[in-house]
């Protein structure tokens, strides 16, 4: 299967705003368990030129089945667009000018290395590899309109 083509994104706010279906695969390398999250991401203007990225869905991992939620902020800043946690802490940059960007985030002693790809006007993929003493996961989220 050929690699998906990337779509350069000059204005992340315009590209991301709206409602997206989420299909997330989670693999815990330590336990060997696979999981999923199926739900909806809603990206709404926040009044300061950015977006509130709110996700909700049903998560399944091992014997757990329950609600999965997350809220982050997508913000234009002096050095470009960034993603912040809902409490304002820095998460990672968001530069999709070429259609993709690599991102890193230290989380305590764990490390998140990821890639974000705009694979079409209605398709965004966020892939993370998480390693450290507390976690050893691969997480791939597909967002579609």
N, C-alpha and C. Protein backbone atom coordinates (compact mmCIF):
# COMPACT_ATOMS: atom_id res chain seq x y z
N UNK A 1 0.85 -1.17 0.00
CA UNK A 1 0.00 0.00 0.00
C UNK A 1 0.90 1.24 0.00
N UNK A 2 0.66 2.19 -0.90
CA UNK A 2 1.48 3.40 -0.95
C UNK A 2 1.25 4.26 0.29
N UNK A 3 2.30 5.01 0.64
CA UNK A 3 2.19 5.92 1.78
C UNK A 3 1.17 7.01 1.46
N UNK A 4 0.39 7.42 2.45
CA UNK A 4 -0.60 8.48 2.19
C UNK A 4 0.11 9.79 1.87
N UNK A 5 -0.50 10.58 1.00
CA UNK A 5 0.07 11.88 0.69
C UNK A 5 -0.21 12.84 1.83
N UNK A 6 0.71 13.76 2.03
CA UNK A 6 0.56 14.76 3.09
C UNK A 6 -0.01 16.04 2.52
N UNK A 7 -0.78 16.74 3.33
CA UNK A 7 -1.37 18.01 2.94
C UNK A 7 -0.72 19.11 3.76
N UNK A 8 0.00 20.06 3.12
CA UNK A 8 0.56 21.16 3.88
C UNK A 8 -0.55 21.97 4.56
N UNK A 9 -0.33 22.30 5.83
CA UNK A 9 -1.31 23.06 6.61
C UNK A 9 -0.69 24.39 7.01
N UNK A 10 -1.15 25.44 6.41
CA UNK A 10 -0.64 26.79 6.72
C UNK A 10 -1.35 27.38 7.94
N UNK A 11 -2.62 27.04 8.09
CA UNK A 11 -3.42 27.59 9.19
C UNK A 11 -4.01 26.44 10.00
N UNK A 12 -3.32 26.01 11.06
CA UNK A 12 -3.83 24.89 11.86
C UNK A 12 -5.23 25.13 12.41
N UNK A 13 -5.54 26.36 12.74
CA UNK A 13 -6.87 26.65 13.29
C UNK A 13 -7.95 26.31 12.26
N UNK A 14 -7.76 26.75 11.03
CA UNK A 14 -8.75 26.47 9.99
C UNK A 14 -8.82 24.98 9.67
N UNK A 15 -7.67 24.31 9.63
CA UNK A 15 -7.64 22.88 9.31
C UNK A 15 -8.29 22.04 10.40
N UNK A 16 -8.00 22.36 11.65
CA UNK A 16 -8.43 21.51 12.77
C UNK A 16 -9.84 21.79 13.27
N UNK A 17 -10.32 23.02 13.15
CA UNK A 17 -11.60 23.39 13.75
C UNK A 17 -12.73 22.48 13.25
N UNK A 18 -13.58 22.08 14.20
CA UNK A 18 -14.73 21.27 13.85
C UNK A 18 -14.74 19.96 14.62
N UNK A 19 -15.48 19.00 14.09
CA UNK A 19 -15.67 17.71 14.76
C UNK A 19 -14.99 16.61 13.96
N UNK A 20 -14.28 15.75 14.66
CA UNK A 20 -13.55 14.63 14.07
C UNK A 20 -13.92 13.35 14.80
N UNK A 21 -14.04 12.26 14.06
CA UNK A 21 -14.18 10.93 14.68
C UNK A 21 -12.78 10.46 15.06
N UNK A 22 -12.66 9.81 16.22
CA UNK A 22 -11.37 9.28 16.69
C UNK A 22 -11.41 7.76 16.64
N UNK A 23 -10.35 7.19 16.09
CA UNK A 23 -10.12 5.75 16.12
C UNK A 23 -8.68 5.58 16.61
N UNK A 24 -8.50 5.19 17.87
CA UNK A 24 -7.17 5.11 18.49
C UNK A 24 -6.84 3.67 18.84
N UNK A 25 -5.64 3.26 18.47
CA UNK A 25 -5.11 1.95 18.85
C UNK A 25 -4.01 2.16 19.88
N UNK A 26 -4.02 1.33 20.91
CA UNK A 26 -3.05 1.41 21.99
C UNK A 26 -2.43 0.02 22.15
N UNK A 27 -1.12 -0.03 22.21
CA UNK A 27 -0.46 -1.31 22.50
C UNK A 27 0.48 -1.11 23.68
N UNK A 28 0.27 -1.88 24.73
CA UNK A 28 1.13 -1.88 25.90
C UNK A 28 2.16 -2.98 25.69
N UNK A 29 3.40 -2.59 25.42
CA UNK A 29 4.45 -3.56 25.11
C UNK A 29 4.82 -4.42 26.31
N UNK A 30 4.67 -3.92 27.51
CA UNK A 30 5.03 -4.70 28.70
C UNK A 30 4.03 -5.81 28.97
N UNK A 31 2.76 -5.47 28.91
CA UNK A 31 1.74 -6.47 29.22
C UNK A 31 1.31 -7.27 28.00
N UNK A 32 1.62 -6.73 26.81
CA UNK A 32 1.17 -7.37 25.58
C UNK A 32 -0.29 -7.08 25.26
N UNK A 33 -0.92 -6.21 26.04
CA UNK A 33 -2.33 -5.91 25.83
C UNK A 33 -2.53 -4.86 24.74
N UNK A 34 -3.60 -5.06 23.99
CA UNK A 34 -4.01 -4.08 22.99
C UNK A 34 -5.28 -3.40 23.46
N UNK A 35 -5.43 -2.15 23.07
CA UNK A 35 -6.63 -1.41 23.44
C UNK A 35 -7.05 -0.47 22.35
N UNK A 36 -8.20 0.14 22.55
CA UNK A 36 -8.74 1.09 21.59
C UNK A 36 -9.42 2.23 22.32
N UNK A 37 -9.59 3.31 21.60
CA UNK A 37 -10.49 4.37 22.02
C UNK A 37 -11.25 4.79 20.78
N UNK A 38 -12.56 4.77 20.86
CA UNK A 38 -13.40 5.25 19.77
C UNK A 38 -14.24 6.38 20.32
N UNK A 39 -14.25 7.50 19.59
CA UNK A 39 -15.01 8.63 20.09
C UNK A 39 -15.00 9.80 19.14
N UNK A 40 -15.06 11.00 19.74
CA UNK A 40 -15.19 12.24 18.99
C UNK A 40 -14.24 13.27 19.57
N UNK A 41 -13.59 14.00 18.68
CA UNK A 41 -12.79 15.18 19.07
C UNK A 41 -13.49 16.41 18.51
N UNK A 42 -13.70 17.38 19.37
CA UNK A 42 -14.32 18.63 18.95
C UNK A 42 -13.31 19.75 19.20
N UNK A 43 -12.96 20.47 18.14
CA UNK A 43 -12.01 21.57 18.25
C UNK A 43 -12.76 22.87 18.00
N UNK A 44 -12.88 23.65 19.07
CA UNK A 44 -13.68 24.87 19.01
C UNK A 44 -12.82 26.09 19.31
N UNK A 45 -13.11 27.23 18.65
CA UNK A 45 -12.35 28.46 18.92
C UNK A 45 -12.43 28.84 20.40
N UNK A 46 -11.30 29.33 20.92
CA UNK A 46 -11.25 29.67 22.34
C UNK A 46 -11.35 31.16 22.62
N UNK A 47 -11.47 31.98 21.58
CA UNK A 47 -11.59 33.42 21.79
C UNK A 47 -10.25 34.14 21.80
N UNK A 48 -9.14 33.41 21.87
CA UNK A 48 -7.81 34.01 21.87
C UNK A 48 -7.02 33.63 20.61
N UNK A 49 -7.72 33.21 19.57
CA UNK A 49 -7.06 32.84 18.32
C UNK A 49 -6.67 31.38 18.24
N UNK A 50 -6.92 30.62 19.29
CA UNK A 50 -6.58 29.21 19.30
C UNK A 50 -7.82 28.34 19.33
N UNK A 51 -7.61 27.08 19.72
CA UNK A 51 -8.69 26.11 19.77
C UNK A 51 -8.63 25.33 21.07
N UNK A 52 -9.79 24.91 21.54
CA UNK A 52 -9.89 23.94 22.63
C UNK A 52 -10.14 22.59 21.96
N UNK A 53 -9.25 21.63 22.22
CA UNK A 53 -9.32 20.28 21.62
C UNK A 53 -9.85 19.35 22.69
N UNK A 54 -11.13 19.01 22.61
CA UNK A 54 -11.77 18.16 23.62
C UNK A 54 -12.12 16.81 23.01
N UNK A 55 -11.63 15.74 23.66
CA UNK A 55 -11.91 14.39 23.19
C UNK A 55 -12.73 13.64 24.22
N UNK A 56 -13.65 12.81 23.71
CA UNK A 56 -14.41 11.92 24.59
C UNK A 56 -14.73 10.66 23.80
N UNK A 57 -14.71 9.55 24.50
CA UNK A 57 -15.00 8.31 23.83
C UNK A 57 -15.00 7.15 24.80
N UNK A 58 -15.03 5.95 24.26
CA UNK A 58 -15.00 4.74 25.06
C UNK A 58 -13.64 4.09 24.86
N UNK A 59 -12.96 3.86 25.98
CA UNK A 59 -11.65 3.24 25.96
C UNK A 59 -11.77 1.79 26.41
N UNK A 60 -11.05 0.92 25.72
CA UNK A 60 -10.97 -0.49 26.07
C UNK A 60 -9.50 -0.86 26.13
N UNK A 61 -9.05 -1.38 27.27
CA UNK A 61 -7.67 -1.83 27.41
C UNK A 61 -7.64 -2.93 28.46
N UNK A 62 -7.23 -4.12 28.04
CA UNK A 62 -7.28 -5.25 28.95
C UNK A 62 -8.72 -5.47 29.39
N UNK A 63 -8.94 -5.55 30.69
CA UNK A 63 -10.29 -5.73 31.21
C UNK A 63 -11.03 -4.43 31.44
N UNK A 64 -10.38 -3.30 31.19
CA UNK A 64 -11.01 -2.00 31.43
C UNK A 64 -11.85 -1.58 30.24
N UNK A 65 -13.07 -1.15 30.50
CA UNK A 65 -13.92 -0.49 29.52
C UNK A 65 -14.53 0.70 30.22
N UNK A 66 -14.29 1.90 29.70
CA UNK A 66 -14.82 3.08 30.36
C UNK A 66 -14.59 4.33 29.53
N UNK A 67 -14.93 5.44 30.13
CA UNK A 67 -14.81 6.73 29.46
C UNK A 67 -13.35 7.13 29.32
N UNK A 68 -13.03 7.66 28.17
CA UNK A 68 -11.72 8.24 27.92
C UNK A 68 -11.92 9.68 27.51
N UNK A 69 -11.32 10.61 28.23
CA UNK A 69 -11.46 12.02 27.91
C UNK A 69 -10.10 12.70 27.98
N UNK A 70 -9.96 13.78 27.23
CA UNK A 70 -8.75 14.59 27.27
C UNK A 70 -9.08 15.94 26.69
N UNK A 71 -8.50 16.99 27.25
CA UNK A 71 -8.65 18.33 26.71
C UNK A 71 -7.28 18.98 26.63
N UNK A 72 -6.95 19.52 25.46
CA UNK A 72 -5.72 20.28 25.27
C UNK A 72 -6.09 21.59 24.58
N UNK A 73 -5.10 22.47 24.51
CA UNK A 73 -5.28 23.78 23.87
C UNK A 73 -4.31 23.88 22.71
N UNK A 74 -4.77 24.33 21.57
CA UNK A 74 -3.92 24.57 20.41
C UNK A 74 -3.80 26.09 20.30
N UNK A 75 -2.57 26.59 20.42
CA UNK A 75 -2.38 28.04 20.55
C UNK A 75 -1.38 28.61 19.55
N UNK A 76 -1.68 29.77 18.96
CA UNK A 76 -0.66 30.47 18.18
C UNK A 76 0.23 31.23 19.17
N UNK A 77 1.52 31.06 19.04
CA UNK A 77 2.46 31.77 19.92
C UNK A 77 3.56 32.40 19.07
N UNK A 78 4.45 33.14 19.69
CA UNK A 78 5.47 33.89 18.96
C UNK A 78 6.30 33.02 18.02
N UNK A 79 6.62 31.79 18.43
CA UNK A 79 7.45 30.91 17.62
C UNK A 79 6.64 29.93 16.77
N UNK A 80 5.33 30.09 16.70
CA UNK A 80 4.47 29.20 15.92
C UNK A 80 3.39 28.59 16.79
N UNK A 81 2.70 27.60 16.24
CA UNK A 81 1.61 26.94 16.94
C UNK A 81 2.15 25.92 17.93
N UNK A 82 1.49 25.83 19.08
CA UNK A 82 1.86 24.84 20.09
C UNK A 82 0.61 24.19 20.65
N UNK A 83 0.80 23.02 21.25
CA UNK A 83 -0.26 22.35 21.98
C UNK A 83 0.10 22.42 23.45
N UNK A 84 -0.87 22.82 24.26
CA UNK A 84 -0.68 22.91 25.70
C UNK A 84 -1.73 22.04 26.39
N UNK A 85 -1.38 21.56 27.58
CA UNK A 85 -2.37 20.85 28.38
C UNK A 85 -3.45 21.83 28.80
N UNK A 86 -4.57 21.32 29.28
CA UNK A 86 -5.68 22.21 29.63
C UNK A 86 -5.35 23.15 30.79
N UNK A 87 -4.30 22.85 31.57
CA UNK A 87 -3.89 23.76 32.64
C UNK A 87 -2.84 24.77 32.18
N UNK A 88 -2.52 24.76 30.87
CA UNK A 88 -1.60 25.73 30.31
C UNK A 88 -0.16 25.26 30.16
N UNK A 89 0.19 24.11 30.75
CA UNK A 89 1.57 23.61 30.61
C UNK A 89 1.86 23.23 29.16
N UNK A 90 3.10 23.46 28.76
CA UNK A 90 3.55 23.16 27.40
C UNK A 90 3.54 21.65 27.15
N UNK A 91 3.02 21.24 25.97
CA UNK A 91 3.03 19.84 25.57
C UNK A 91 4.00 19.65 24.40
N UNK A 92 3.72 20.27 23.25
CA UNK A 92 4.61 20.13 22.10
C UNK A 92 4.28 21.16 21.03
N UNK A 93 5.24 21.39 20.07
CA UNK A 93 4.95 22.29 18.95
C UNK A 93 3.99 21.63 17.98
N UNK A 94 3.40 22.43 17.11
CA UNK A 94 2.51 21.91 16.07
C UNK A 94 2.79 22.68 14.78
N UNK A 95 3.69 22.14 13.97
CA UNK A 95 4.07 22.77 12.71
C UNK A 95 3.76 21.80 11.58
N UNK A 96 2.62 21.99 10.95
CA UNK A 96 2.18 21.11 9.87
C UNK A 96 2.36 21.76 8.50
N UNK A 97 3.28 22.74 8.39
CA UNK A 97 3.48 23.45 7.13
C UNK A 97 3.87 22.51 6.00
N UNK A 98 4.58 21.42 6.31
CA UNK A 98 4.94 20.43 5.29
C UNK A 98 3.95 19.26 5.27
N UNK A 99 2.98 19.28 6.16
CA UNK A 99 2.02 18.19 6.28
C UNK A 99 2.32 17.25 7.41
N UNK A 100 3.50 17.37 8.02
CA UNK A 100 3.86 16.48 9.13
C UNK A 100 4.88 17.17 10.03
N UNK A 101 4.87 16.78 11.29
CA UNK A 101 5.90 17.26 12.20
C UNK A 101 6.19 16.20 13.26
N UNK A 102 7.44 16.14 13.64
CA UNK A 102 7.87 15.25 14.73
C UNK A 102 7.79 16.06 16.02
N UNK A 103 7.37 15.38 17.08
CA UNK A 103 7.21 16.04 18.37
C UNK A 103 7.78 15.16 19.48
N UNK A 104 8.24 15.80 20.53
CA UNK A 104 8.77 15.11 21.70
C UNK A 104 8.21 15.76 22.95
N UNK A 105 8.01 14.92 23.98
CA UNK A 105 7.53 15.45 25.25
C UNK A 105 8.06 14.58 26.39
N UNK A 106 8.88 15.16 27.26
CA UNK A 106 9.27 14.43 28.47
C UNK A 106 8.12 14.47 29.47
N UNK A 107 7.82 13.34 30.06
CA UNK A 107 6.74 13.25 31.05
C UNK A 107 7.31 12.53 32.27
N UNK A 108 7.84 13.29 33.20
CA UNK A 108 8.55 12.68 34.32
C UNK A 108 9.75 11.95 33.76
N UNK A 109 9.91 10.69 34.10
CA UNK A 109 11.02 9.89 33.58
C UNK A 109 10.68 9.20 32.27
N UNK A 110 9.42 9.31 31.82
CA UNK A 110 9.00 8.72 30.55
C UNK A 110 9.21 9.73 29.43
N UNK A 111 9.28 9.22 28.20
CA UNK A 111 9.48 10.09 27.05
C UNK A 111 8.49 9.73 25.96
N UNK A 112 7.79 10.74 25.45
CA UNK A 112 6.86 10.60 24.34
C UNK A 112 7.54 11.13 23.08
N UNK A 113 7.70 10.28 22.07
CA UNK A 113 8.22 10.70 20.77
C UNK A 113 7.10 10.44 19.77
N UNK A 114 6.76 11.46 19.00
CA UNK A 114 5.61 11.30 18.13
C UNK A 114 5.75 11.96 16.79
N UNK A 115 4.73 11.71 15.97
CA UNK A 115 4.62 12.36 14.68
C UNK A 115 3.15 12.68 14.45
N UNK A 116 2.91 13.87 13.91
CA UNK A 116 1.56 14.31 13.56
C UNK A 116 1.55 14.51 12.05
N UNK A 117 0.56 13.91 11.37
CA UNK A 117 0.49 13.96 9.91
C UNK A 117 -0.89 14.38 9.44
N UNK A 118 -0.94 15.37 8.58
CA UNK A 118 -2.18 15.73 7.88
C UNK A 118 -2.19 14.94 6.58
N UNK A 119 -2.99 13.88 6.54
CA UNK A 119 -2.99 12.95 5.41
C UNK A 119 -4.14 13.21 4.44
N UNK A 120 -4.68 14.39 4.48
CA UNK A 120 -5.78 14.77 3.60
C UNK A 120 -6.59 15.84 4.30
N UNK A 121 -7.49 16.45 3.58
CA UNK A 121 -8.30 17.51 4.18
C UNK A 121 -9.14 17.01 5.34
N UNK A 122 -9.48 15.74 5.36
CA UNK A 122 -10.31 15.20 6.42
C UNK A 122 -9.66 14.07 7.17
N UNK A 123 -8.30 14.07 7.25
CA UNK A 123 -7.62 12.97 7.94
C UNK A 123 -6.35 13.48 8.62
N UNK A 124 -6.27 13.22 9.91
CA UNK A 124 -5.12 13.58 10.73
C UNK A 124 -4.69 12.33 11.49
N UNK A 125 -3.40 12.05 11.53
CA UNK A 125 -2.88 10.90 12.27
C UNK A 125 -1.86 11.41 13.29
N UNK A 126 -2.03 10.96 14.55
CA UNK A 126 -1.09 11.30 15.62
C UNK A 126 -0.56 9.97 16.17
N UNK A 127 0.75 9.76 16.04
CA UNK A 127 1.37 8.51 16.48
C UNK A 127 2.41 8.81 17.56
N UNK A 128 2.34 8.07 18.67
CA UNK A 128 3.27 8.24 19.78
C UNK A 128 3.96 6.92 20.10
N UNK A 129 5.22 6.99 20.46
CA UNK A 129 5.95 5.87 21.05
C UNK A 129 6.38 6.38 22.43
N UNK A 130 5.90 5.72 23.46
CA UNK A 130 6.12 6.16 24.84
C UNK A 130 6.99 5.12 25.54
N UNK A 131 8.14 5.56 26.07
CA UNK A 131 9.03 4.63 26.77
C UNK A 131 9.54 5.28 28.05
N UNK A 132 9.77 4.45 29.03
CA UNK A 132 10.31 4.90 30.31
C UNK A 132 10.00 3.90 31.39
N UNK A 133 10.32 4.25 32.61
CA UNK A 133 10.09 3.30 33.70
C UNK A 133 8.61 3.03 33.98
N UNK A 134 7.73 3.98 33.68
CA UNK A 134 6.31 3.78 33.98
C UNK A 134 5.51 3.29 32.78
N UNK A 135 6.01 3.54 31.55
CA UNK A 135 5.20 3.24 30.36
C UNK A 135 6.06 2.65 29.25
N UNK A 136 5.44 1.82 28.44
CA UNK A 136 6.04 1.29 27.22
C UNK A 136 4.89 1.03 26.25
N UNK A 137 4.46 2.09 25.56
CA UNK A 137 3.26 2.04 24.72
C UNK A 137 3.52 2.53 23.31
N UNK A 138 2.73 2.06 22.40
CA UNK A 138 2.58 2.66 21.09
C UNK A 138 1.11 3.08 20.98
N UNK A 139 0.89 4.33 20.60
CA UNK A 139 -0.46 4.87 20.50
C UNK A 139 -0.61 5.53 19.13
N UNK A 140 -1.58 5.10 18.36
CA UNK A 140 -1.84 5.69 17.05
C UNK A 140 -3.29 6.12 17.00
N UNK A 141 -3.49 7.41 16.78
CA UNK A 141 -4.84 7.99 16.72
C UNK A 141 -5.10 8.47 15.30
N UNK A 142 -6.23 8.03 14.75
CA UNK A 142 -6.65 8.48 13.44
C UNK A 142 -7.91 9.33 13.63
N UNK A 143 -7.83 10.55 13.12
CA UNK A 143 -8.95 11.49 13.20
C UNK A 143 -9.50 11.67 11.79
N UNK A 144 -10.79 11.47 11.60
CA UNK A 144 -11.40 11.65 10.30
C UNK A 144 -12.68 12.47 10.42
N UNK A 145 -13.00 13.15 9.34
CA UNK A 145 -14.24 13.93 9.30
C UNK A 145 -15.31 13.11 8.63
